[in-house]
Amino acid sequence: MKNIDITEKFSKQLLLVSNYFRELRFGENLTQVEVAEESGLHRNTISNIETTNNFTFLTLLRLCDFYQIPASELLSIIDEEIK
């Protein structure tokens, strides 16, 4: 498997996702611990997402489910911001 450098575009997409989920959490007035406990994810996972560290698509789907937003909404936000 080849190592892939994260380009500027991908870095921007990661930042958009991170900011999106951080703002959702702030909007719900929740701590990372509360989101972790209620979503079934580890607090470190929530922190990793919010600090643009690597995360899986499955993790994003779990957070979309937790916040009750369709994954298509997240993807459309990324798509619109990159254009």
Protein backbone atom coordinates (compact mmCIF):
# COMPACT_ATOMS: atom_id res chain seq x y z
CA MET A 1 0.00 0.00 0.00
CA LYS A 2 1.38 3.39 -1.00
CA ASN A 3 1.69 6.23 1.46
CA ILE A 4 -0.35 9.14 0.21
CA ASP A 5 0.64 12.69 1.04
CA ILE A 6 -2.26 14.78 2.25
CA THR A 7 -2.63 17.58 -0.22
CA GLU A 8 -3.81 21.07 0.57
CA LYS A 9 -7.29 20.13 -0.69
CA PHE A 10 -7.53 17.14 1.65
CA SER A 11 -6.19 19.18 4.54
CA LYS A 12 -8.91 21.75 3.93
CA GLN A 13 -11.55 19.00 3.83
CA LEU A 14 -10.30 17.56 7.13
CA LEU A 15 -10.45 21.02 8.68
CA LEU A 16 -14.02 21.53 7.44
CA VAL A 17 -15.12 18.22 8.97
CA SER A 18 -13.34 19.00 12.23
CA ASN A 19 -14.88 22.44 12.51
CA TYR A 20 -18.32 21.14 11.54
CA PHE A 21 -18.41 18.55 14.32
CA ARG A 22 -16.87 20.92 16.87
CA GLU A 23 -19.54 23.53 16.09
CA LEU A 24 -22.29 20.90 16.35
CA ARG A 25 -20.98 19.92 19.78
CA PHE A 26 -20.74 23.54 20.92
CA GLY A 27 -24.23 24.21 19.58
CA GLU A 28 -25.57 21.35 21.69
CA ASN A 29 -23.55 22.62 24.68
CA LEU A 30 -21.89 19.22 25.11
CA THR A 31 -18.43 18.23 26.24
CA GLN A 32 -16.28 15.78 24.34
CA VAL A 33 -16.85 13.30 27.16
CA GLU A 34 -20.63 13.62 26.82
CA VAL A 35 -20.52 13.12 23.05
CA ALA A 36 -18.23 10.12 23.49
CA GLU A 37 -20.43 8.49 26.10
CA GLU A 38 -23.65 9.07 24.17
CA SER A 39 -22.25 8.12 20.74
CA GLY A 40 -20.33 5.06 21.87
CA LEU A 41 -17.02 6.51 20.73
CA HIS A 42 -13.95 7.14 22.87
CA ARG A 43 -13.27 10.70 24.01
CA ASN A 44 -9.88 10.57 22.27
CA THR A 45 -11.70 9.81 19.02
CA ILE A 46 -13.85 12.93 19.43
CA SER A 47 -10.73 14.96 20.17
CA ASN A 48 -8.94 13.51 17.13
CA ILE A 49 -11.81 14.49 14.86
CA GLU A 50 -11.94 18.01 16.26
CA THR A 51 -8.19 18.49 15.86
CA THR A 52 -8.08 17.27 12.24
CA ASN A 53 -6.32 14.03 13.04
CA ASN A 54 -7.07 11.03 10.91
CA PHE A 55 -10.47 9.40 11.37
CA THR A 56 -12.54 6.79 9.58
CA PHE A 57 -15.65 7.23 7.52
CA LEU A 58 -17.44 4.85 9.89
CA THR A 59 -16.65 7.19 12.77
CA LEU A 60 -18.12 10.11 10.82
CA LEU A 61 -21.25 8.07 10.14
CA ARG A 62 -21.59 7.31 13.85
CA LEU A 63 -21.35 11.02 14.65
CA CYS A 64 -23.88 11.88 11.95
CA ASP A 65 -26.21 9.35 13.54
CA PHE A 66 -25.58 10.81 17.00
CA TYR A 67 -26.32 14.37 15.84
CA GLN A 68 -29.19 13.11 13.67
CA ILE A 69 -27.89 14.60 10.46
CA PRO A 70 -27.72 12.79 7.13
CA ALA A 71 -24.21 11.96 5.95
CA SER A 72 -25.13 13.63 2.66
CA GLU A 73 -25.37 16.95 4.54
CA LEU A 74 -21.81 16.60 5.79
CA LEU A 75 -20.57 15.66 2.33
CA SER A 76 -22.43 18.54 0.67
CA ILE A 77 -20.89 21.02 3.11
CA ILE A 78 -17.44 19.74 2.23
CA ASP A 79 -18.26 19.81 -1.47
CA GLU A 80 -19.62 23.37 -1.39
CA GLU A 81 -16.70 24.78 0.61
CA ILE A 82 -14.08 23.25 -1.69
CA LYS A 83 -15.55 24.73 -4.89
